[in-house]
Amino acid sequence: MVRIALFATLAFVMTVLAITPNNAGAKNVGNGAGAQFITGGCVADADCSSACCANASNVGVCSAEAAAFQNGKAGCNFVDPNSAATIAAAKAQVAKQGF
């Protein structure tokens, strides 16, 4: 019983700690204009004003270079292998937000 409770707690903590891009900058995903803010989504370094698209479990998140390895991120220079789907999802988010 203790093992189950420990596993459930650990699983919850891992989902809380997962890095996800901020949807507010969805319009900047995939445009390569370097306008995306830190914590916004990206498909490559060119999207980010910091020039660092960090790999957060195969999801691009703009990051400061100094923070590119924090909270489970695997460093800058991430190129999204599913960029077409990521850009389509970002465009859908923009349409939903209306801006």
N, C-alpha and C. Protein backbone atom coordinates (compact mmCIF):
# COMPACT_ATOMS: atom_id res chain seq x y z
N MET A 1 0.82 -1.19 0.00
CA MET A 1 0.00 0.00 0.00
C MET A 1 0.87 1.26 0.00
N VAL A 2 1.95 1.23 0.76
CA VAL A 2 2.85 2.37 0.82
C VAL A 2 3.50 2.59 -0.54
N ARG A 3 3.85 1.52 -1.23
CA ARG A 3 4.47 1.64 -2.55
C ARG A 3 3.51 2.30 -3.54
N ILE A 4 2.26 1.93 -3.48
CA ILE A 4 1.27 2.52 -4.39
C ILE A 4 1.13 4.01 -4.12
N ALA A 5 1.06 4.39 -2.86
CA ALA A 5 0.93 5.80 -2.50
C ALA A 5 2.17 6.57 -2.94
N LEU A 6 3.34 5.99 -2.74
CA LEU A 6 4.58 6.65 -3.14
C LEU A 6 4.64 6.82 -4.66
N PHE A 7 4.26 5.78 -5.39
CA PHE A 7 4.25 5.85 -6.84
C PHE A 7 3.26 6.90 -7.33
N ALA A 8 2.08 6.93 -6.75
CA ALA A 8 1.06 7.91 -7.15
C ALA A 8 1.55 9.33 -6.88
N THR A 9 2.18 9.54 -5.76
CA THR A 9 2.72 10.86 -5.43
C THR A 9 3.81 11.25 -6.41
N LEU A 10 4.71 10.34 -6.70
CA LEU A 10 5.79 10.60 -7.65
C LEU A 10 5.24 10.91 -9.04
N ALA A 11 4.25 10.16 -9.48
CA ALA A 11 3.64 10.41 -10.79
C ALA A 11 3.01 11.79 -10.85
N PHE A 12 2.34 12.20 -9.78
CA PHE A 12 1.74 13.52 -9.72
C PHE A 12 2.80 14.61 -9.79
N VAL A 13 3.87 14.45 -9.04
CA VAL A 13 4.94 15.44 -9.02
C VAL A 13 5.56 15.57 -10.40
N MET A 14 5.76 14.48 -11.11
CA MET A 14 6.36 14.52 -12.44
C MET A 14 5.47 15.26 -13.43
N THR A 15 4.15 15.12 -13.32
CA THR A 15 3.27 15.84 -14.24
C THR A 15 3.25 17.32 -13.91
N VAL A 16 3.38 17.68 -12.65
CA VAL A 16 3.41 19.08 -12.26
C VAL A 16 4.69 19.74 -12.76
N LEU A 17 5.79 19.02 -12.73
CA LEU A 17 7.08 19.57 -13.13
C LEU A 17 7.30 19.60 -14.64
N ALA A 18 6.43 18.98 -15.41
CA ALA A 18 6.61 18.95 -16.86
C ALA A 18 6.56 20.36 -17.43
N ILE A 19 7.50 20.68 -18.28
CA ILE A 19 7.56 22.00 -18.91
C ILE A 19 6.63 21.99 -20.11
N THR A 20 5.77 22.99 -20.19
CA THR A 20 4.90 23.14 -21.35
C THR A 20 4.98 24.59 -21.82
N PRO A 21 4.91 24.81 -23.13
CA PRO A 21 4.98 26.18 -23.64
C PRO A 21 3.77 27.00 -23.22
N ASN A 22 3.99 28.30 -23.06
CA ASN A 22 2.92 29.24 -22.76
C ASN A 22 2.14 29.50 -24.06
N ASN A 23 0.83 29.30 -24.04
CA ASN A 23 0.01 29.46 -25.25
C ASN A 23 -0.18 30.90 -25.68
N ALA A 24 0.13 31.86 -24.81
CA ALA A 24 -0.08 33.27 -25.15
C ALA A 24 0.72 33.70 -26.37
N GLY A 25 1.83 33.06 -26.63
CA GLY A 25 2.67 33.43 -27.78
C GLY A 25 2.50 32.52 -28.97
N ALA A 26 1.36 31.87 -29.09
CA ALA A 26 1.15 30.89 -30.17
C ALA A 26 1.37 31.49 -31.56
N LYS A 27 1.10 32.79 -31.72
CA LYS A 27 1.28 33.41 -33.04
C LYS A 27 2.74 33.45 -33.48
N ASN A 28 3.67 33.30 -32.54
CA ASN A 28 5.09 33.36 -32.86
C ASN A 28 5.73 32.00 -33.13
N VAL A 29 4.97 30.93 -33.00
CA VAL A 29 5.51 29.58 -33.19
C VAL A 29 5.70 29.30 -34.68
N GLY A 30 6.93 29.01 -35.04
CA GLY A 30 7.22 28.60 -36.42
C GLY A 30 7.39 29.71 -37.42
N ASN A 31 7.35 30.98 -36.99
CA ASN A 31 7.48 32.05 -37.99
C ASN A 31 8.94 32.48 -38.21
N GLY A 32 9.85 32.04 -37.34
CA GLY A 32 11.27 32.33 -37.52
C GLY A 32 11.65 33.79 -37.38
N ALA A 33 10.76 34.61 -36.81
CA ALA A 33 11.01 36.05 -36.69
C ALA A 33 11.75 36.44 -35.43
N GLY A 34 12.02 35.48 -34.55
CA GLY A 34 12.73 35.79 -33.31
C GLY A 34 11.92 36.65 -32.36
N ALA A 35 10.60 36.54 -32.42
CA ALA A 35 9.72 37.37 -31.59
C ALA A 35 9.15 36.63 -30.38
N GLN A 36 9.40 35.34 -30.29
CA GLN A 36 8.82 34.56 -29.19
C GLN A 36 9.52 34.86 -27.88
N PHE A 37 8.73 35.02 -26.83
CA PHE A 37 9.26 35.31 -25.50
C PHE A 37 9.67 34.02 -24.79
N ILE A 38 10.45 34.16 -23.74
CA ILE A 38 10.86 33.01 -22.94
C ILE A 38 9.62 32.35 -22.35
N THR A 39 9.57 31.06 -22.38
CA THR A 39 8.47 30.15 -21.99
C THR A 39 7.46 29.94 -23.11
N GLY A 40 7.59 30.65 -24.22
CA GLY A 40 6.70 30.43 -25.35
C GLY A 40 7.16 29.24 -26.17
N GLY A 41 6.27 28.71 -26.98
CA GLY A 41 6.59 27.56 -27.82
C GLY A 41 7.47 27.93 -28.99
N CYS A 42 8.19 26.95 -29.53
CA CYS A 42 9.06 27.17 -30.67
C CYS A 42 9.28 25.86 -31.41
N VAL A 43 9.69 25.98 -32.66
CA VAL A 43 10.08 24.79 -33.42
C VAL A 43 11.56 24.82 -33.76
N ALA A 44 12.21 25.97 -33.54
CA ALA A 44 13.65 26.13 -33.78
C ALA A 44 14.12 27.40 -33.08
N ASP A 45 15.44 27.54 -32.96
CA ASP A 45 16.02 28.71 -32.30
C ASP A 45 15.56 30.03 -32.93
N ALA A 46 15.32 30.04 -34.24
CA ALA A 46 14.95 31.28 -34.94
C ALA A 46 13.63 31.86 -34.46
N ASP A 47 12.78 31.07 -33.81
CA ASP A 47 11.51 31.58 -33.29
C ASP A 47 11.70 32.44 -32.05
N CYS A 48 12.76 32.21 -31.31
CA CYS A 48 12.93 32.79 -29.97
C CYS A 48 13.73 34.08 -29.98
N SER A 49 13.27 35.06 -29.18
CA SER A 49 14.04 36.30 -29.03
C SER A 49 15.36 36.03 -28.33
N SER A 50 15.41 34.95 -27.54
CA SER A 50 16.64 34.56 -26.86
C SER A 50 17.55 33.69 -27.74
N ALA A 51 17.08 33.34 -28.93
CA ALA A 51 17.80 32.46 -29.86
C ALA A 51 18.09 31.09 -29.25
N CYS A 52 17.20 30.64 -28.34
CA CYS A 52 17.37 29.34 -27.70
C CYS A 52 16.03 28.63 -27.61
N CYS A 53 15.82 27.66 -28.48
CA CYS A 53 14.65 26.79 -28.41
C CYS A 53 15.12 25.52 -27.70
N ALA A 54 14.72 25.38 -26.45
CA ALA A 54 15.18 24.26 -25.63
C ALA A 54 14.26 23.06 -25.79
N ASN A 55 14.85 21.89 -25.76
CA ASN A 55 14.11 20.63 -25.85
C ASN A 55 13.58 20.27 -24.47
N ALA A 56 12.27 20.30 -24.33
CA ALA A 56 11.62 19.91 -23.07
C ALA A 56 10.76 18.69 -23.36
N SER A 57 11.40 17.52 -23.40
CA SER A 57 10.72 16.26 -23.72
C SER A 57 10.07 16.30 -25.09
N ASN A 58 10.85 16.67 -26.10
CA ASN A 58 10.41 16.74 -27.50
C ASN A 58 9.36 17.80 -27.75
N VAL A 59 9.36 18.84 -26.92
CA VAL A 59 8.53 20.02 -27.12
C VAL A 59 9.46 21.22 -27.03
N GLY A 60 9.39 22.13 -27.99
CA GLY A 60 10.26 23.29 -27.96
C GLY A 60 9.71 24.38 -27.07
N VAL A 61 10.57 24.92 -26.20
CA VAL A 61 10.22 26.02 -25.31
C VAL A 61 11.35 27.04 -25.36
N CYS A 62 11.03 28.29 -25.70
CA CYS A 62 12.05 29.33 -25.70
C CYS A 62 12.57 29.51 -24.29
N SER A 63 13.87 29.59 -24.18
CA SER A 63 14.52 29.63 -22.89
C SER A 63 15.72 30.56 -22.94
N ALA A 64 16.07 31.11 -21.80
CA ALA A 64 17.33 31.81 -21.70
C ALA A 64 18.43 30.75 -21.80
N GLU A 65 19.53 31.08 -22.41
CA GLU A 65 20.60 30.10 -22.55
C GLU A 65 21.07 29.57 -21.20
N ALA A 66 21.10 30.45 -20.20
CA ALA A 66 21.53 30.05 -18.86
C ALA A 66 20.57 29.06 -18.20
N ALA A 67 19.33 29.02 -18.67
CA ALA A 67 18.33 28.13 -18.08
C ALA A 67 17.97 26.96 -19.00
N ALA A 68 18.75 26.76 -20.04
CA ALA A 68 18.43 25.75 -21.06
C ALA A 68 18.50 24.31 -20.55
N PHE A 69 19.15 24.09 -19.41
CA PHE A 69 19.24 22.74 -18.86
C PHE A 69 18.51 22.61 -17.53
N GLN A 70 17.69 23.57 -17.19
CA GLN A 70 16.95 23.53 -15.93
C GLN A 70 15.58 22.89 -16.13
N ASN A 71 15.05 22.31 -15.07
CA ASN A 71 13.70 21.73 -15.05
C ASN A 71 13.48 20.69 -16.14
N GLY A 72 14.48 19.90 -16.40
CA GLY A 72 14.33 18.80 -17.35
C GLY A 72 14.56 19.17 -18.81
N LYS A 73 14.89 20.42 -19.10
CA LYS A 73 15.16 20.80 -20.48
C LYS A 73 16.53 20.26 -20.89
N ALA A 74 16.68 19.97 -22.18
CA ALA A 74 17.91 19.33 -22.68
C ALA A 74 18.76 20.26 -23.52
N GLY A 75 18.67 21.55 -23.31
CA GLY A 75 19.54 22.49 -24.00
C GLY A 75 18.94 23.13 -25.23
N CYS A 76 19.64 24.13 -25.74
CA CYS A 76 19.20 24.90 -26.91
C CYS A 76 19.38 24.07 -28.19
N ASN A 77 19.05 24.70 -29.29
CA ASN A 77 19.20 24.13 -30.64
C ASN A 77 18.22 23.01 -30.95
N PHE A 78 17.08 23.00 -30.25
CA PHE A 78 16.05 22.00 -30.55
C PHE A 78 15.41 22.33 -31.89
N VAL A 79 15.25 21.32 -32.72
CA VAL A 79 14.52 21.44 -33.98
C VAL A 79 13.39 20.42 -33.90
N ASP A 80 12.17 20.91 -33.90
CA ASP A 80 10.99 20.06 -33.71
C ASP A 80 10.82 19.12 -34.90
N PRO A 81 10.89 17.79 -34.66
CA PRO A 81 10.70 16.85 -35.77
C PRO A 81 9.25 16.81 -36.26
N ASN A 82 8.34 17.33 -35.45
CA ASN A 82 6.91 17.39 -35.81
C ASN A 82 6.48 18.84 -36.00
N SER A 83 7.34 19.65 -36.62
CA SER A 83 7.09 21.08 -36.70
C SER A 83 5.77 21.42 -37.41
N ALA A 84 5.42 20.68 -38.43
CA ALA A 84 4.17 20.97 -39.15
C ALA A 84 2.96 20.82 -38.21
N ALA A 85 2.94 19.77 -37.41
CA ALA A 85 1.84 19.57 -36.47
C ALA A 85 1.87 20.61 -35.36
N THR A 86 3.06 20.97 -34.91
CA THR A 86 3.19 21.98 -33.85
C THR A 86 2.70 23.34 -34.34
N ILE A 87 3.07 23.71 -35.56
CA ILE A 87 2.64 24.98 -36.14
C ILE A 87 1.13 24.98 -36.36
N ALA A 88 0.58 23.87 -36.84
CA ALA A 88 -0.87 23.77 -37.03
C ALA A 88 -1.61 23.92 -35.70
N ALA A 89 -1.10 23.30 -34.65
CA ALA A 89 -1.72 23.42 -33.32
C ALA A 89 -1.62 24.85 -32.81
N ALA A 90 -0.51 25.52 -33.09
CA ALA A 90 -0.35 26.92 -32.67
C ALA A 90 -1.33 27.82 -33.42
N LYS A 91 -1.50 27.58 -34.71
CA LYS A 91 -2.47 28.37 -35.49
C LYS A 91 -3.89 28.15 -34.98
N ALA A 92 -4.21 26.93 -34.60
CA ALA A 92 -5.53 26.65 -34.02
C ALA A 92 -5.70 27.39 -32.69
N GLN A 93 -4.64 27.46 -31.91
CA GLN A 93 -4.68 28.18 -30.63
C GLN A 93 -4.90 29.67 -30.88
N VAL A 94 -4.25 30.23 -31.89
CA VAL A 94 -4.41 31.64 -32.23
C VAL A 94 -5.86 31.91 -32.62
N ALA A 95 -6.44 31.02 -33.44
CA ALA A 95 -7.83 31.19 -33.87
C ALA A 95 -8.77 31.12 -32.66
N LYS A 96 -8.47 30.23 -31.73
CA LYS A 96 -9.29 30.09 -30.52
C LYS A 96 -9.18 31.33 -29.65
N GLN A 97 -7.96 31.89 -29.53
CA GLN A 97 -7.74 33.07 -28.71
C GLN A 97 -8.28 34.33 -29.36
N GLY A 98 -8.25 34.37 -30.67
CA GLY A 98 -8.69 35.55 -31.39
C GLY A 98 -7.63 36.63 -31.52
N PHE A 99 -6.38 36.29 -31.21
CA PHE A 99 -5.28 37.26 -31.39
C PHE A 99 -3.99 36.55 -31.68
